[in-house]
Amino acid sequence: MRDVYSNLEEIVAILVSMKGMISNSELSRLTSMPLRSVQRLMKSLEDCKDPRKVNSRAPRPDLSTRKVRDMDFVNKVQEIIDEHPTRSLSSIAEELEVGETTIQNS
């Protein structure tokens, strides 16, 4: 059986149409969504005039704009490691003001 409520737009449409007619817990049960998620969506719908803006997200940055993909950044990390091979990744990350995972991935 196809999950009718797998699409967030459909869920928002249901929430808008049922607003005030049914409780959040009943909506949670009907949509198979956690109650807290239904509560957050309902709050967002109350605060926003246009329901289509509720489920919109900011796009992720392109991979080319990420620091770890920048060859200058990778070369800078490599130079630091070559100069001080025993230096910890966390101290390098702190010096370059990036997360430790960024250093691990470069």
N, C-alpha and C. Protein backbone atom coordinates (compact mmCIF):
# COMPACT_ATOMS: atom_id res chain seq x y z
N MET A 1 0.84 -1.19 0.00
CA MET A 1 0.00 0.00 0.00
C MET A 1 0.88 1.25 0.00
N ARG A 2 0.54 2.19 -0.84
CA ARG A 2 1.31 3.43 -0.97
C ARG A 2 1.06 4.33 0.23
N ASP A 3 2.13 4.94 0.74
CA ASP A 3 2.00 5.87 1.86
C ASP A 3 1.51 7.21 1.32
N VAL A 4 0.23 7.50 1.53
CA VAL A 4 -0.40 8.70 0.98
C VAL A 4 0.21 9.96 1.56
N TYR A 5 0.71 9.90 2.78
CA TYR A 5 1.17 11.09 3.49
C TYR A 5 2.69 11.26 3.45
N SER A 6 3.36 10.63 2.52
CA SER A 6 4.82 10.73 2.47
C SER A 6 5.29 12.09 1.94
N ASN A 7 4.45 12.79 1.23
CA ASN A 7 4.82 14.09 0.67
C ASN A 7 4.41 15.20 1.64
N LEU A 8 5.37 16.05 1.98
CA LEU A 8 5.12 17.11 2.96
C LEU A 8 4.07 18.11 2.48
N GLU A 9 4.04 18.38 1.17
CA GLU A 9 3.03 19.30 0.64
C GLU A 9 1.63 18.77 0.86
N GLU A 10 1.45 17.46 0.68
CA GLU A 10 0.15 16.85 0.92
C GLU A 10 -0.23 16.98 2.39
N ILE A 11 0.74 16.78 3.26
CA ILE A 11 0.47 16.87 4.70
C ILE A 11 0.07 18.29 5.08
N VAL A 12 0.79 19.28 4.53
CA VAL A 12 0.44 20.68 4.82
C VAL A 12 -0.96 20.99 4.31
N ALA A 13 -1.31 20.48 3.14
CA ALA A 13 -2.65 20.70 2.61
C ALA A 13 -3.71 20.10 3.53
N ILE A 14 -3.43 18.92 4.06
CA ILE A 14 -4.36 18.28 4.99
C ILE A 14 -4.48 19.11 6.27
N LEU A 15 -3.35 19.57 6.79
CA LEU A 15 -3.37 20.36 8.01
C LEU A 15 -4.16 21.65 7.82
N VAL A 16 -3.98 22.30 6.65
CA VAL A 16 -4.70 23.53 6.37
C VAL A 16 -6.20 23.27 6.29
N SER A 17 -6.58 22.19 5.61
CA SER A 17 -8.00 21.91 5.44
C SER A 17 -8.67 21.46 6.74
N MET A 18 -7.92 20.82 7.62
CA MET A 18 -8.49 20.31 8.87
C MET A 18 -8.31 21.26 10.05
N LYS A 19 -7.69 22.40 9.82
CA LYS A 19 -7.39 23.35 10.90
C LYS A 19 -8.66 23.73 11.66
N GLY A 20 -8.63 23.53 12.95
CA GLY A 20 -9.75 23.88 13.80
C GLY A 20 -10.84 22.81 13.87
N MET A 21 -10.81 21.82 12.99
CA MET A 21 -11.84 20.79 12.97
C MET A 21 -11.40 19.52 13.68
N ILE A 22 -10.10 19.36 13.84
CA ILE A 22 -9.57 18.12 14.39
C ILE A 22 -8.36 18.45 15.27
N SER A 23 -8.13 17.67 16.28
CA SER A 23 -7.02 17.96 17.21
C SER A 23 -5.68 17.55 16.61
N ASN A 24 -4.62 18.09 17.17
CA ASN A 24 -3.28 17.76 16.69
C ASN A 24 -2.98 16.28 16.86
N SER A 25 -3.43 15.69 17.95
CA SER A 25 -3.16 14.26 18.16
C SER A 25 -3.88 13.40 17.13
N GLU A 26 -5.10 13.80 16.75
CA GLU A 26 -5.81 13.06 15.70
C GLU A 26 -5.12 13.24 14.35
N LEU A 27 -4.65 14.46 14.07
CA LEU A 27 -3.90 14.69 12.82
C LEU A 27 -2.63 13.86 12.81
N SER A 28 -1.98 13.76 13.95
CA SER A 28 -0.77 12.97 14.06
C SER A 28 -1.06 11.52 13.72
N ARG A 29 -2.13 11.00 14.26
CA ARG A 29 -2.51 9.62 14.01
C ARG A 29 -2.87 9.40 12.54
N LEU A 30 -3.62 10.33 11.96
CA LEU A 30 -4.05 10.21 10.56
C LEU A 30 -2.89 10.29 9.57
N THR A 31 -1.92 11.14 9.86
CA THR A 31 -0.80 11.35 8.93
C THR A 31 0.41 10.49 9.25
N SER A 32 0.35 9.75 10.34
CA SER A 32 1.48 8.91 10.78
C SER A 32 2.73 9.76 11.03
N MET A 33 2.51 10.98 11.45
CA MET A 33 3.61 11.88 11.81
C MET A 33 3.68 11.97 13.33
N PRO A 34 4.88 12.21 13.85
CA PRO A 34 4.98 12.44 15.30
C PRO A 34 4.15 13.67 15.71
N LEU A 35 3.57 13.60 16.88
CA LEU A 35 2.73 14.68 17.37
C LEU A 35 3.48 16.01 17.39
N ARG A 36 4.73 16.01 17.83
CA ARG A 36 5.50 17.26 17.91
C ARG A 36 5.69 17.86 16.52
N SER A 37 5.86 17.04 15.49
CA SER A 37 6.00 17.55 14.13
C SER A 37 4.71 18.22 13.67
N VAL A 38 3.58 17.62 14.00
CA VAL A 38 2.29 18.22 13.65
C VAL A 38 2.13 19.54 14.38
N GLN A 39 2.51 19.58 15.64
CA GLN A 39 2.40 20.82 16.42
C GLN A 39 3.27 21.92 15.82
N ARG A 40 4.48 21.58 15.42
CA ARG A 40 5.38 22.58 14.80
C ARG A 40 4.81 23.09 13.48
N LEU A 41 4.29 22.18 12.66
CA LEU A 41 3.70 22.59 11.39
C LEU A 41 2.49 23.48 11.61
N MET A 42 1.66 23.14 12.57
CA MET A 42 0.48 23.96 12.85
C MET A 42 0.89 25.35 13.33
N LYS A 43 1.91 25.42 14.16
CA LYS A 43 2.41 26.71 14.64
C LYS A 43 2.96 27.52 13.47
N SER A 44 3.70 26.87 12.57
CA SER A 44 4.22 27.56 11.39
C SER A 44 3.10 28.07 10.51
N LEU A 45 2.04 27.28 10.39
CA LEU A 45 0.90 27.70 9.57
C LEU A 45 0.19 28.90 10.18
N GLU A 46 0.15 28.96 11.50
CA GLU A 46 -0.48 30.10 12.17
C GLU A 46 0.34 31.37 11.96
N ASP A 47 1.67 31.23 11.99
CA ASP A 47 2.56 32.39 11.87
C ASP A 47 2.71 32.88 10.43
N CYS A 48 2.46 32.02 9.47
CA CYS A 48 2.71 32.34 8.06
C CYS A 48 1.39 32.47 7.31
N LYS A 49 1.31 33.45 6.45
CA LYS A 49 0.09 33.67 5.67
C LYS A 49 -0.01 32.69 4.49
N ASP A 50 1.13 32.35 3.88
CA ASP A 50 1.14 31.48 2.71
C ASP A 50 1.60 30.08 3.11
N PRO A 51 0.72 29.08 3.07
CA PRO A 51 1.09 27.71 3.48
C PRO A 51 2.21 27.10 2.66
N ARG A 52 2.40 27.55 1.42
CA ARG A 52 3.47 26.99 0.59
C ARG A 52 4.84 27.36 1.10
N LYS A 53 4.95 28.43 1.88
CA LYS A 53 6.24 28.85 2.41
C LYS A 53 6.64 28.07 3.67
N VAL A 54 5.69 27.36 4.26
CA VAL A 54 5.96 26.65 5.50
C VAL A 54 6.95 25.52 5.29
N ASN A 55 6.82 24.79 4.20
CA ASN A 55 7.69 23.63 4.01
C ASN A 55 8.86 23.91 3.10
N SER A 56 9.08 25.17 2.73
CA SER A 56 10.22 25.47 1.86
C SER A 56 11.49 25.58 2.70
N ARG A 57 12.58 25.10 2.14
CA ARG A 57 13.86 25.13 2.82
C ARG A 57 14.86 25.88 1.97
N ALA A 58 15.86 26.39 2.61
CA ALA A 58 16.94 27.05 1.88
C ALA A 58 17.75 25.98 1.16
N PRO A 59 18.16 26.25 -0.07
CA PRO A 59 18.94 25.25 -0.80
C PRO A 59 20.32 25.07 -0.19
N ARG A 60 20.84 23.87 -0.30
CA ARG A 60 22.19 23.60 0.19
C ARG A 60 23.20 24.26 -0.74
N PRO A 61 24.32 24.69 -0.20
CA PRO A 61 25.34 25.31 -1.06
C PRO A 61 25.92 24.27 -2.02
N ASP A 62 26.33 24.73 -3.19
CA ASP A 62 26.99 23.85 -4.14
C ASP A 62 28.27 23.31 -3.53
N LEU A 63 28.65 22.12 -3.96
CA LEU A 63 29.88 21.53 -3.43
C LEU A 63 31.10 22.38 -3.73
N SER A 64 31.05 23.11 -4.84
CA SER A 64 32.21 23.91 -5.22
C SER A 64 32.43 25.09 -4.27
N THR A 65 31.40 25.49 -3.53
CA THR A 65 31.55 26.62 -2.61
C THR A 65 31.99 26.19 -1.23
N ARG A 66 32.04 24.91 -0.99
CA ARG A 66 32.44 24.43 0.32
C ARG A 66 33.96 24.51 0.47
N LYS A 67 34.41 24.81 1.69
CA LYS A 67 35.84 24.99 1.94
C LYS A 67 36.65 23.74 1.65
N VAL A 68 36.10 22.60 1.97
CA VAL A 68 36.88 21.38 1.83
C VAL A 68 37.20 21.08 0.36
N ARG A 69 36.42 21.62 -0.56
CA ARG A 69 36.66 21.40 -1.99
C ARG A 69 37.61 22.44 -2.61
N ASP A 70 37.94 23.46 -1.84
CA ASP A 70 38.81 24.52 -2.32
C ASP A 70 40.27 24.06 -2.24
N MET A 71 40.96 24.02 -3.36
CA MET A 71 42.33 23.51 -3.38
C MET A 71 43.29 24.39 -2.58
N ASP A 72 43.04 25.69 -2.52
CA ASP A 72 43.88 26.57 -1.70
C ASP A 72 43.79 26.16 -0.23
N PHE A 73 42.56 25.87 0.20
CA PHE A 73 42.34 25.46 1.59
C PHE A 73 43.03 24.12 1.85
N VAL A 74 42.87 23.17 0.93
CA VAL A 74 43.48 21.85 1.10
C VAL A 74 45.00 21.98 1.16
N ASN A 75 45.56 22.83 0.31
CA ASN A 75 47.01 23.04 0.30
C ASN A 75 47.49 23.67 1.61
N LYS A 76 46.70 24.61 2.14
CA LYS A 76 47.05 25.25 3.41
C LYS A 76 47.08 24.22 4.54
N VAL A 77 46.08 23.34 4.57
CA VAL A 77 46.05 22.29 5.59
C VAL A 77 47.24 21.36 5.43
N GLN A 78 47.55 21.00 4.19
CA GLN A 78 48.67 20.10 3.94
C GLN A 78 49.99 20.73 4.38
N GLU A 79 50.16 22.03 4.15
CA GLU A 79 51.38 22.72 4.58
C GLU A 79 51.53 22.69 6.10
N ILE A 80 50.42 22.92 6.80
CA ILE A 80 50.46 22.90 8.27
C ILE A 80 50.84 21.51 8.75
N ILE A 81 50.28 20.48 8.13
CA ILE A 81 50.58 19.10 8.53
C ILE A 81 52.04 18.76 8.22
N ASP A 82 52.54 19.22 7.07
CA ASP A 82 53.93 18.95 6.71
C ASP A 82 54.91 19.62 7.67
N GLU A 83 54.57 20.84 8.13
CA GLU A 83 55.44 21.56 9.06
C GLU A 83 55.43 20.93 10.45
N HIS A 84 54.25 20.52 10.90
CA HIS A 84 54.08 19.96 12.25
C HIS A 84 53.26 18.67 12.16
N PRO A 85 53.87 17.55 11.82
CA PRO A 85 53.13 16.31 11.61
C PRO A 85 52.44 15.75 12.86
N THR A 86 52.88 16.17 14.05
CA THR A 86 52.27 15.63 15.27
C THR A 86 51.14 16.52 15.79
N ARG A 87 50.87 17.58 15.12
CA ARG A 87 49.83 18.52 15.57
C ARG A 87 48.45 17.90 15.43
N SER A 88 47.58 18.17 16.39
CA SER A 88 46.25 17.57 16.38
C SER A 88 45.34 18.26 15.36
N LEU A 89 44.36 17.50 14.87
CA LEU A 89 43.40 18.05 13.91
C LEU A 89 42.56 19.16 14.55
N SER A 90 42.25 19.01 15.82
CA SER A 90 41.43 20.03 16.47
C SER A 90 42.17 21.36 16.58
N SER A 91 43.49 21.32 16.80
CA SER A 91 44.23 22.59 16.88
C SER A 91 44.35 23.23 15.50
N ILE A 92 44.47 22.43 14.45
CA ILE A 92 44.50 22.96 13.08
C ILE A 92 43.15 23.57 12.75
N ALA A 93 42.07 22.88 13.11
CA ALA A 93 40.72 23.38 12.85
C ALA A 93 40.49 24.71 13.59
N GLU A 94 40.97 24.79 14.81
CA GLU A 94 40.82 26.03 15.58
C GLU A 94 41.58 27.18 14.94
N GLU A 95 42.80 26.90 14.47
CA GLU A 95 43.60 27.94 13.82
C GLU A 95 42.94 28.45 12.54
N LEU A 96 42.37 27.55 11.76
CA LEU A 96 41.75 27.93 10.49
C LEU A 96 40.28 28.34 10.64
N GLU A 97 39.78 28.27 11.86
CA GLU A 97 38.40 28.65 12.19
C GLU A 97 37.37 27.85 11.38
N VAL A 98 37.56 26.54 11.36
CA VAL A 98 36.62 25.62 10.72
C VAL A 98 36.38 24.46 11.67
N GLY A 99 35.42 23.63 11.34
CA GLY A 99 35.14 22.46 12.15
C GLY A 99 36.18 21.38 11.95
N GLU A 100 36.30 20.52 12.92
CA GLU A 100 37.29 19.44 12.84
C GLU A 100 36.97 18.48 11.70
N THR A 101 35.69 18.28 11.42
CA THR A 101 35.29 17.41 10.32
C THR A 101 35.76 17.96 8.98
N THR A 102 35.76 19.28 8.84
CA THR A 102 36.25 19.90 7.60
C THR A 102 37.71 19.55 7.38
N ILE A 103 38.49 19.56 8.45
CA ILE A 103 39.91 19.21 8.35
C ILE A 103 40.05 17.73 8.01
N GLN A 104 39.25 16.88 8.62
CA GLN A 104 39.31 15.45 8.34
C GLN A 104 38.98 15.15 6.88
N ASN A 105 38.05 15.90 6.30
CA ASN A 105 37.62 15.65 4.92
C ASN A 105 38.54 16.27 3.89
N SER A 106 39.47 17.12 4.31
CA SER A 106 40.32 17.79 3.31
C SER A 106 41.57 17.02 3.01
